[in-house]
Amino acid sequence: GSSPMGIGVYGVTINGTSGEFAVLLDN
């Protein structure tokens, strides 16, 4: 993600319950 003005990568979860991630990283 790359942005000269705003946000490169933006993540939102709707429910917000346990175990939900706006961005999950596994590498």
mmCIF file of all heavy atoms, coordinates in Angstrom:
data_MODEL
# 
_entry.id   MODEL 
# 
loop_
_atom_site.group_PDB 
_atom_site.id 
_atom_site.type_symbol 
_atom_site.label_atom_id 
_atom_site.label_alt_id 
_atom_site.label_comp_id 
_atom_site.label_asym_id 
_atom_site.label_entity_id 
_atom_site.label_seq_id 
_atom_site.pdbx_PDB_ins_code 
_atom_site.Cartn_x 
_atom_site.Cartn_y 
_atom_site.Cartn_z 
_atom_site.occupancy 
_atom_site.B_iso_or_equiv 
_atom_site.pdbx_formal_charge 
_atom_site.auth_seq_id 
_atom_site.auth_comp_id 
_atom_site.auth_asym_id 
_atom_site.auth_atom_id 
_atom_site.pdbx_PDB_model_num 
ATOM 1   N N   . GLY A 1 1  ? 0.831   -1.203  0.000  1.00 0.00 ? 1  GLY A N   1 
ATOM 2   C CA  . GLY A 1 1  ? 0.000   0.000   0.000  1.00 0.00 ? 1  GLY A CA  1 
ATOM 3   C C   . GLY A 1 1  ? 0.858   1.242   0.000  1.00 0.00 ? 1  GLY A C   1 
ATOM 4   O O   . GLY A 1 1  ? 1.798   1.378   0.776  1.00 0.00 ? 1  GLY A O   1 
ATOM 5   N N   . SER A 1 2  ? 0.540   2.167   -0.878 1.00 0.00 ? 2  SER A N   1 
ATOM 6   C CA  . SER A 1 2  ? 1.301   3.408   -0.961 1.00 0.00 ? 2  SER A CA  1 
ATOM 7   C C   . SER A 1 2  ? 0.341   4.540   -1.288 1.00 0.00 ? 2  SER A C   1 
ATOM 8   O O   . SER A 1 2  ? -0.518  4.404   -2.164 1.00 0.00 ? 2  SER A O   1 
ATOM 9   C CB  . SER A 1 2  ? 2.387   3.307   -2.034 1.00 0.00 ? 2  SER A CB  1 
ATOM 10  O OG  . SER A 1 2  ? 3.057   4.539   -2.184 1.00 0.00 ? 2  SER A OG  1 
ATOM 11  N N   . SER A 1 3  ? 0.457   5.650   -0.573 1.00 0.00 ? 3  SER A N   1 
ATOM 12  C CA  . SER A 1 3  ? -0.412  6.785   -0.828 1.00 0.00 ? 3  SER A CA  1 
ATOM 13  C C   . SER A 1 3  ? 0.341   8.072   -0.544 1.00 0.00 ? 3  SER A C   1 
ATOM 14  O O   . SER A 1 3  ? 0.917   8.222   0.525  1.00 0.00 ? 3  SER A O   1 
ATOM 15  C CB  . SER A 1 3  ? -1.661  6.718   0.062  1.00 0.00 ? 3  SER A CB  1 
ATOM 16  O OG  . SER A 1 3  ? -2.432  7.895   -0.086 1.00 0.00 ? 3  SER A OG  1 
ATOM 17  N N   . PRO A 1 4  ? 0.376   9.006   -1.499 1.00 0.00 ? 4  PRO A N   1 
ATOM 18  C CA  . PRO A 1 4  ? 1.073   10.273  -1.252 1.00 0.00 ? 4  PRO A CA  1 
ATOM 19  C C   . PRO A 1 4  ? 0.267   11.239  -0.393 1.00 0.00 ? 4  PRO A C   1 
ATOM 20  O O   . PRO A 1 4  ? 0.805   12.222  0.081  1.00 0.00 ? 4  PRO A O   1 
ATOM 21  C CB  . PRO A 1 4  ? 1.274   10.843  -2.661 1.00 0.00 ? 4  PRO A CB  1 
ATOM 22  C CG  . PRO A 1 4  ? 0.123   10.292  -3.433 1.00 0.00 ? 4  PRO A CG  1 
ATOM 23  C CD  . PRO A 1 4  ? -0.131  8.920   -2.873 1.00 0.00 ? 4  PRO A CD  1 
ATOM 24  N N   . MET A 1 5  ? -1.040  10.942  -0.188 1.00 0.00 ? 5  MET A N   1 
ATOM 25  C CA  . MET A 1 5  ? -1.889  11.913  0.507  1.00 0.00 ? 5  MET A CA  1 
ATOM 26  C C   . MET A 1 5  ? -2.611  11.324  1.704  1.00 0.00 ? 5  MET A C   1 
ATOM 27  O O   . MET A 1 5  ? -2.885  12.034  2.672  1.00 0.00 ? 5  MET A O   1 
ATOM 28  C CB  . MET A 1 5  ? -2.937  12.492  -0.459 1.00 0.00 ? 5  MET A CB  1 
ATOM 29  C CG  . MET A 1 5  ? -2.354  13.220  -1.652 1.00 0.00 ? 5  MET A CG  1 
ATOM 30  S SD  . MET A 1 5  ? -3.629  13.675  -2.836 1.00 0.00 ? 5  MET A SD  1 
ATOM 31  C CE  . MET A 1 5  ? -4.691  14.722  -1.844 1.00 0.00 ? 5  MET A CE  1 
ATOM 32  N N   . GLY A 1 6  ? -2.951  10.034  1.671  1.00 0.00 ? 6  GLY A N   1 
ATOM 33  C CA  . GLY A 1 6  ? -3.790  9.491   2.728  1.00 0.00 ? 6  GLY A CA  1 
ATOM 34  C C   . GLY A 1 6  ? -3.203  8.259   3.364  1.00 0.00 ? 6  GLY A C   1 
ATOM 35  O O   . GLY A 1 6  ? -2.132  8.301   3.948  1.00 0.00 ? 6  GLY A O   1 
ATOM 36  N N   . ILE A 1 7  ? -3.866  7.100   3.189  1.00 0.00 ? 7  ILE A N   1 
ATOM 37  C CA  . ILE A 1 7  ? -3.492  5.852   3.839  1.00 0.00 ? 7  ILE A CA  1 
ATOM 38  C C   . ILE A 1 7  ? -3.174  4.810   2.789  1.00 0.00 ? 7  ILE A C   1 
ATOM 39  O O   . ILE A 1 7  ? -3.941  4.623   1.846  1.00 0.00 ? 7  ILE A O   1 
ATOM 40  C CB  . ILE A 1 7  ? -4.641  5.366   4.749  1.00 0.00 ? 7  ILE A CB  1 
ATOM 41  C CG1 . ILE A 1 7  ? -4.937  6.423   5.816  1.00 0.00 ? 7  ILE A CG1 1 
ATOM 42  C CG2 . ILE A 1 7  ? -4.303  4.032   5.386  1.00 0.00 ? 7  ILE A CG2 1 
ATOM 43  C CD1 . ILE A 1 7  ? -6.154  6.111   6.645  1.00 0.00 ? 7  ILE A CD1 1 
ATOM 44  N N   . GLY A 1 8  ? -2.043  4.114   2.959  1.00 0.00 ? 8  GLY A N   1 
ATOM 45  C CA  . GLY A 1 8  ? -1.664  3.087   1.996  1.00 0.00 ? 8  GLY A CA  1 
ATOM 46  C C   . GLY A 1 8  ? -2.539  1.853   2.107  1.00 0.00 ? 8  GLY A C   1 
ATOM 47  O O   . GLY A 1 8  ? -3.113  1.398   1.130  1.00 0.00 ? 8  GLY A O   1 
ATOM 48  N N   . VAL A 1 9  ? -2.658  1.293   3.295  1.00 0.00 ? 9  VAL A N   1 
ATOM 49  C CA  . VAL A 1 9  ? -3.507  0.134   3.549  1.00 0.00 ? 9  VAL A CA  1 
ATOM 50  C C   . VAL A 1 9  ? -4.344  0.436   4.775  1.00 0.00 ? 9  VAL A C   1 
ATOM 51  O O   . VAL A 1 9  ? -3.809  0.839   5.802  1.00 0.00 ? 9  VAL A O   1 
ATOM 52  C CB  . VAL A 1 9  ? -2.678  -1.147  3.779  1.00 0.00 ? 9  VAL A CB  1 
ATOM 53  C CG1 . VAL A 1 9  ? -3.590  -2.309  4.148  1.00 0.00 ? 9  VAL A CG1 1 
ATOM 54  C CG2 . VAL A 1 9  ? -1.859  -1.474  2.538  1.00 0.00 ? 9  VAL A CG2 1 
ATOM 55  N N   . TYR A 1 10 ? -5.656  0.245   4.685  1.00 0.00 ? 10 TYR A N   1 
ATOM 56  C CA  . TYR A 1 10 ? -6.560  0.570   5.789  1.00 0.00 ? 10 TYR A CA  1 
ATOM 57  C C   . TYR A 1 10 ? -7.466  -0.615  6.049  1.00 0.00 ? 10 TYR A C   1 
ATOM 58  O O   . TYR A 1 10 ? -8.085  -1.142  5.131  1.00 0.00 ? 10 TYR A O   1 
ATOM 59  C CB  . TYR A 1 10 ? -7.397  1.797   5.416  1.00 0.00 ? 10 TYR A CB  1 
ATOM 60  C CG  . TYR A 1 10 ? -8.346  2.276   6.491  1.00 0.00 ? 10 TYR A CG  1 
ATOM 61  C CD1 . TYR A 1 10 ? -7.889  3.061   7.534  1.00 0.00 ? 10 TYR A CD1 1 
ATOM 62  C CD2 . TYR A 1 10 ? -9.694  1.948   6.454  1.00 0.00 ? 10 TYR A CD2 1 
ATOM 63  C CE1 . TYR A 1 10 ? -8.747  3.512   8.512  1.00 0.00 ? 10 TYR A CE1 1 
ATOM 64  C CE2 . TYR A 1 10 ? -10.562 2.390   7.434  1.00 0.00 ? 10 TYR A CE2 1 
ATOM 65  C CZ  . TYR A 1 10 ? -10.090 3.172   8.469  1.00 0.00 ? 10 TYR A CZ  1 
ATOM 66  O OH  . TYR A 1 10 ? -10.952 3.609   9.439  1.00 0.00 ? 10 TYR A OH  1 
ATOM 67  N N   . GLY A 1 11 ? -7.504  -1.091  7.302  1.00 0.00 ? 11 GLY A N   1 
ATOM 68  C CA  . GLY A 1 11 ? -8.313  -2.255  7.633  1.00 0.00 ? 11 GLY A CA  1 
ATOM 69  C C   . GLY A 1 11 ? -9.316  -1.948  8.723  1.00 0.00 ? 11 GLY A C   1 
ATOM 70  O O   . GLY A 1 11 ? -9.004  -1.273  9.691  1.00 0.00 ? 11 GLY A O   1 
ATOM 71  N N   . VAL A 1 12 ? -10.551 -2.446  8.563  1.00 0.00 ? 12 VAL A N   1 
ATOM 72  C CA  . VAL A 1 12 ? -11.614 -2.225  9.544  1.00 0.00 ? 12 VAL A CA  1 
ATOM 73  C C   . VAL A 1 12 ? -12.355 -3.537  9.748  1.00 0.00 ? 12 VAL A C   1 
ATOM 74  O O   . VAL A 1 12 ? -12.676 -4.236  8.792  1.00 0.00 ? 12 VAL A O   1 
ATOM 75  C CB  . VAL A 1 12 ? -12.612 -1.141  9.061  1.00 0.00 ? 12 VAL A CB  1 
ATOM 76  C CG1 . VAL A 1 12 ? -13.747 -0.993  10.065 1.00 0.00 ? 12 VAL A CG1 1 
ATOM 77  C CG2 . VAL A 1 12 ? -11.911 0.186   8.873  1.00 0.00 ? 12 VAL A CG2 1 
ATOM 78  N N   . THR A 1 13 ? -12.626 -3.909  11.001 1.00 0.00 ? 13 THR A N   1 
ATOM 79  C CA  . THR A 1 13 ? -13.514 -5.027  11.289 1.00 0.00 ? 13 THR A CA  1 
ATOM 80  C C   . THR A 1 13 ? -14.865 -4.472  11.700 1.00 0.00 ? 13 THR A C   1 
ATOM 81  O O   . THR A 1 13 ? -14.951 -3.444  12.365 1.00 0.00 ? 13 THR A O   1 
ATOM 82  C CB  . THR A 1 13 ? -12.965 -5.915  12.415 1.00 0.00 ? 13 THR A CB  1 
ATOM 83  O OG1 . THR A 1 13 ? -12.750 -5.100  13.570 1.00 0.00 ? 13 THR A OG1 1 
ATOM 84  C CG2 . THR A 1 13 ? -11.675 -6.567  12.012 1.00 0.00 ? 13 THR A CG2 1 
ATOM 85  N N   . ILE A 1 14 ? -15.950 -5.164  11.292 1.00 0.00 ? 14 ILE A N   1 
ATOM 86  C CA  . ILE A 1 14 ? -17.299 -4.648  11.529 1.00 0.00 ? 14 ILE A CA  1 
ATOM 87  C C   . ILE A 1 14 ? -17.847 -5.108  12.869 1.00 0.00 ? 14 ILE A C   1 
ATOM 88  O O   . ILE A 1 14 ? -18.318 -4.324  13.668 1.00 0.00 ? 14 ILE A O   1 
ATOM 89  C CB  . ILE A 1 14 ? -18.241 -5.077  10.384 1.00 0.00 ? 14 ILE A CB  1 
ATOM 90  C CG1 . ILE A 1 14 ? -17.742 -4.492  9.059  1.00 0.00 ? 14 ILE A CG1 1 
ATOM 91  C CG2 . ILE A 1 14 ? -19.674 -4.636  10.666 1.00 0.00 ? 14 ILE A CG2 1 
ATOM 92  C CD1 . ILE A 1 14 ? -18.536 -4.932  7.864  1.00 0.00 ? 14 ILE A CD1 1 
ATOM 93  N N   . ASN A 1 15 ? -17.774 -6.421  13.130 1.00 0.00 ? 15 ASN A N   1 
ATOM 94  C CA  . ASN A 1 15 ? -18.340 -6.938  14.382 1.00 0.00 ? 15 ASN A CA  1 
ATOM 95  C C   . ASN A 1 15 ? -17.535 -6.514  15.592 1.00 0.00 ? 15 ASN A C   1 
ATOM 96  O O   . ASN A 1 15 ? -18.089 -6.191  16.632 1.00 0.00 ? 15 ASN A O   1 
ATOM 97  C CB  . ASN A 1 15 ? -18.410 -8.473  14.344 1.00 0.00 ? 15 ASN A CB  1 
ATOM 98  C CG  . ASN A 1 15 ? -19.561 -8.963  13.497 1.00 0.00 ? 15 ASN A CG  1 
ATOM 99  O OD1 . ASN A 1 15 ? -20.540 -8.250  13.322 1.00 0.00 ? 15 ASN A OD1 1 
ATOM 100 N ND2 . ASN A 1 15 ? -19.441 -10.159 12.966 1.00 0.00 ? 15 ASN A ND2 1 
ATOM 101 N N   . GLY A 1 16 ? -16.214 -6.537  15.486 1.00 0.00 ? 16 GLY A N   1 
ATOM 102 C CA  . GLY A 1 16 ? -15.375 -6.183  16.603 1.00 0.00 ? 16 GLY A CA  1 
ATOM 103 C C   . GLY A 1 16 ? -15.332 -7.224  17.696 1.00 0.00 ? 16 GLY A C   1 
ATOM 104 O O   . GLY A 1 16 ? -15.005 -6.920  18.841 1.00 0.00 ? 16 GLY A O   1 
ATOM 105 N N   . THR A 1 17 ? -15.692 -8.479  17.388 1.00 0.00 ? 17 THR A N   1 
ATOM 106 C CA  . THR A 1 17 ? -15.678 -9.528  18.395 1.00 0.00 ? 17 THR A CA  1 
ATOM 107 C C   . THR A 1 17 ? -14.276 -10.093 18.541 1.00 0.00 ? 17 THR A C   1 
ATOM 108 O O   . THR A 1 17 ? -13.384 -9.811  17.750 1.00 0.00 ? 17 THR A O   1 
ATOM 109 C CB  . THR A 1 17 ? -16.649 -10.658 18.010 1.00 0.00 ? 17 THR A CB  1 
ATOM 110 O OG1 . THR A 1 17 ? -16.262 -11.175 16.731 1.00 0.00 ? 17 THR A OG1 1 
ATOM 111 C CG2 . THR A 1 17 ? -18.069 -10.137 17.949 1.00 0.00 ? 17 THR A CG2 1 
ATOM 112 N N   . SER A 1 18 ? -14.104 -10.913 19.585 1.00 0.00 ? 18 SER A N   1 
ATOM 113 C CA  . SER A 1 18 ? -12.802 -11.515 19.845 1.00 0.00 ? 18 SER A CA  1 
ATOM 114 C C   . SER A 1 18 ? -12.382 -12.385 18.671 1.00 0.00 ? 18 SER A C   1 
ATOM 115 O O   . SER A 1 18 ? -13.181 -13.138 18.120 1.00 0.00 ? 18 SER A O   1 
ATOM 116 C CB  . SER A 1 18 ? -12.869 -12.340 21.125 1.00 0.00 ? 18 SER A CB  1 
ATOM 117 O OG  . SER A 1 18 ? -11.643 -13.008 21.348 1.00 0.00 ? 18 SER A OG  1 
ATOM 118 N N   . GLY A 1 19 ? -11.123 -12.292 18.285 1.00 0.00 ? 19 GLY A N   1 
ATOM 119 C CA  . GLY A 1 19 ? -10.605 -13.104 17.197 1.00 0.00 ? 19 GLY A CA  1 
ATOM 120 C C   . GLY A 1 19 ? -10.692 -12.440 15.840 1.00 0.00 ? 19 GLY A C   1 
ATOM 121 O O   . GLY A 1 19 ? -10.236 -13.003 14.861 1.00 0.00 ? 19 GLY A O   1 
ATOM 122 N N   . GLU A 1 20 ? -11.303 -11.240 15.755 1.00 0.00 ? 20 GLU A N   1 
ATOM 123 C CA  . GLU A 1 20 ? -11.351 -10.521 14.486 1.00 0.00 ? 20 GLU A CA  1 
ATOM 124 C C   . GLU A 1 20 ? -10.187 -9.546  14.422 1.00 0.00 ? 20 GLU A C   1 
ATOM 125 O O   . GLU A 1 20 ? -9.808  -8.933  15.413 1.00 0.00 ? 20 GLU A O   1 
ATOM 126 C CB  . GLU A 1 20 ? -12.676 -9.765  14.340 1.00 0.00 ? 20 GLU A CB  1 
ATOM 127 C CG  . GLU A 1 20 ? -13.857 -10.668 14.040 1.00 0.00 ? 20 GLU A CG  1 
ATOM 128 C CD  . GLU A 1 20 ? -15.048 -9.864  13.536 1.00 0.00 ? 20 GLU A CD  1 
ATOM 129 O OE1 . GLU A 1 20 ? -14.969 -8.631  13.549 1.00 0.00 ? 20 GLU A OE1 1 
ATOM 130 O OE2 . GLU A 1 20 ? -16.029 -10.485 13.133 1.00 0.00 ? 20 GLU A OE2 1 
ATOM 131 N N   . PHE A 1 21 ? -9.621  -9.406  13.242 1.00 0.00 ? 21 PHE A N   1 
ATOM 132 C CA  . PHE A 1 21 ? -8.477  -8.538  13.058 1.00 0.00 ? 21 PHE A CA  1 
ATOM 133 C C   . PHE A 1 21 ? -8.740  -7.619  11.864 1.00 0.00 ? 21 PHE A C   1 
ATOM 134 O O   . PHE A 1 21 ? -9.194  -8.076  10.823 1.00 0.00 ? 21 PHE A O   1 
ATOM 135 C CB  . PHE A 1 21 ? -7.194  -9.343  12.807 1.00 0.00 ? 21 PHE A CB  1 
ATOM 136 C CG  . PHE A 1 21 ? -6.855  -10.300 13.921 1.00 0.00 ? 21 PHE A CG  1 
ATOM 137 C CD1 . PHE A 1 21 ? -7.364  -11.587 13.905 1.00 0.00 ? 21 PHE A CD1 1 
ATOM 138 C CD2 . PHE A 1 21 ? -6.053  -9.907  14.962 1.00 0.00 ? 21 PHE A CD2 1 
ATOM 139 C CE1 . PHE A 1 21 ? -7.057  -12.474 14.918 1.00 0.00 ? 21 PHE A CE1 1 
ATOM 140 C CE2 . PHE A 1 21 ? -5.736  -10.788 15.980 1.00 0.00 ? 21 PHE A CE2 1 
ATOM 141 C CZ  . PHE A 1 21 ? -6.252  -12.078 15.956 1.00 0.00 ? 21 PHE A CZ  1 
ATOM 142 N N   . ALA A 1 22 ? -8.453  -6.326  12.047 1.00 0.00 ? 22 ALA A N   1 
ATOM 143 C CA  . ALA A 1 22 ? -8.515  -5.423  10.906 1.00 0.00 ? 22 ALA A CA  1 
ATOM 144 C C   . ALA A 1 22 ? -7.421  -5.785  9.904  1.00 0.00 ? 22 ALA A C   1 
ATOM 145 O O   . ALA A 1 22 ? -7.634  -5.810  8.705  1.00 0.00 ? 22 ALA A O   1 
ATOM 146 C CB  . ALA A 1 22 ? -8.363  -3.973  11.356 1.00 0.00 ? 22 ALA A CB  1 
ATOM 147 N N   . VAL A 1 23 ? -6.245  -6.106  10.405 1.00 0.00 ? 23 VAL A N   1 
ATOM 148 C CA  . VAL A 1 23 ? -5.143  -6.582  9.571  1.00 0.00 ? 23 VAL A CA  1 
ATOM 149 C C   . VAL A 1 23 ? -4.486  -7.741  10.308 1.00 0.00 ? 23 VAL A C   1 
ATOM 150 O O   . VAL A 1 23 ? -4.083  -7.591  11.457 1.00 0.00 ? 23 VAL A O   1 
ATOM 151 C CB  . VAL A 1 23 ? -4.104  -5.470  9.309  1.00 0.00 ? 23 VAL A CB  1 
ATOM 152 C CG1 . VAL A 1 23 ? -2.943  -6.028  8.481  1.00 0.00 ? 23 VAL A CG1 1 
ATOM 153 C CG2 . VAL A 1 23 ? -4.738  -4.289  8.593  1.00 0.00 ? 23 VAL A CG2 1 
ATOM 154 N N   . LEU A 1 24 ? -4.411  -8.903  9.692  1.00 0.00 ? 24 LEU A N   1 
ATOM 155 C CA  . LEU A 1 24 ? -3.779  -10.074 10.282 1.00 0.00 ? 24 LEU A CA  1 
ATOM 156 C C   . LEU A 1 24 ? -2.506  -10.388 9.510  1.00 0.00 ? 24 LEU A C   1 
ATOM 157 O O   . LEU A 1 24 ? -2.535  -10.534 8.291  1.00 0.00 ? 24 LEU A O   1 
ATOM 158 C CB  . LEU A 1 24 ? -4.719  -11.282 10.253 1.00 0.00 ? 24 LEU A CB  1 
ATOM 159 C CG  . LEU A 1 24 ? -4.122  -12.622 10.724 1.00 0.00 ? 24 LEU A CG  1 
ATOM 160 C CD1 . LEU A 1 24 ? -3.679  -12.517 12.170 1.00 0.00 ? 24 LEU A CD1 1 
ATOM 161 C CD2 . LEU A 1 24 ? -5.129  -13.745 10.549 1.00 0.00 ? 24 LEU A CD2 1 
ATOM 162 N N   . LEU A 1 25 ? -1.388  -10.460 10.207 1.00 0.00 ? 25 LEU A N   1 
ATOM 163 C CA  . LEU A 1 25 ? -0.104  -10.685 9.582  1.00 0.00 ? 25 LEU A CA  1 
ATOM 164 C C   . LEU A 1 25 ? 0.442   -12.027 10.031 1.00 0.00 ? 25 LEU A C   1 
ATOM 165 O O   . LEU A 1 25 ? 0.551   -12.297 11.220 1.00 0.00 ? 25 LEU A O   1 
ATOM 166 C CB  . LEU A 1 25 ? 0.883   -9.579  9.968  1.00 0.00 ? 25 LEU A CB  1 
ATOM 167 C CG  . LEU A 1 25 ? 0.416   -8.150  9.685  1.00 0.00 ? 25 LEU A CG  1 
ATOM 168 C CD1 . LEU A 1 25 ? 1.354   -7.156  10.321 1.00 0.00 ? 25 LEU A CD1 1 
ATOM 169 C CD2 . LEU A 1 25 ? 0.303   -7.900  8.202  1.00 0.00 ? 25 LEU A CD2 1 
ATOM 170 N N   . ASP A 1 26 ? 0.771   -12.890 9.086  1.00 0.00 ? 26 ASP A N   1 
ATOM 171 C CA  . ASP A 1 26 ? 1.321   -14.205 9.390  1.00 0.00 ? 26 ASP A CA  1 
ATOM 172 C C   . ASP A 1 26 ? 2.332   -14.541 8.309  1.00 0.00 ? 26 ASP A C   1 
ATOM 173 O O   . ASP A 1 26 ? 1.965   -14.759 7.162  1.00 0.00 ? 26 ASP A O   1 
ATOM 174 C CB  . ASP A 1 26 ? 0.200   -15.245 9.447  1.00 0.00 ? 26 ASP A CB  1 
ATOM 175 C CG  . ASP A 1 26 ? 0.694   -16.601 9.935  1.00 0.00 ? 26 ASP A CG  1 
ATOM 176 O OD1 . ASP A 1 26 ? 1.907   -16.715 10.199 1.00 0.00 ? 26 ASP A OD1 1 
ATOM 177 O OD2 . ASP A 1 26 ? -0.125  -17.523 10.045 1.00 0.00 ? 26 ASP A OD2 1 
ATOM 178 N N   . ASN A 1 27 ? 3.595   -14.534 8.676  1.00 0.00 ? 27 ASN A N   1 
ATOM 179 C CA  . ASN A 1 27 ? 4.624   -14.677 7.669  1.00 0.00 ? 27 ASN A CA  1 
ATOM 180 C C   . ASN A 1 27 ? 5.864   -15.308 8.311  1.00 0.00 ? 27 ASN A C   1 
ATOM 181 O O   . ASN A 1 27 ? 6.233   -14.917 9.413  1.00 0.00 ? 27 ASN A O   1 
ATOM 182 C CB  . ASN A 1 27 ? 4.991   -13.299 7.089  1.00 0.00 ? 27 ASN A CB  1 
ATOM 183 C CG  . ASN A 1 27 ? 5.943   -13.417 5.902  1.00 0.00 ? 27 ASN A CG  1 
ATOM 184 O OD1 . ASN A 1 27 ? 5.831   -14.332 5.104  1.00 0.00 ? 27 ASN A OD1 1 
ATOM 185 N ND2 . ASN A 1 27 ? 6.872   -12.496 5.802  1.00 0.00 ? 27 ASN A ND2 1 
# 
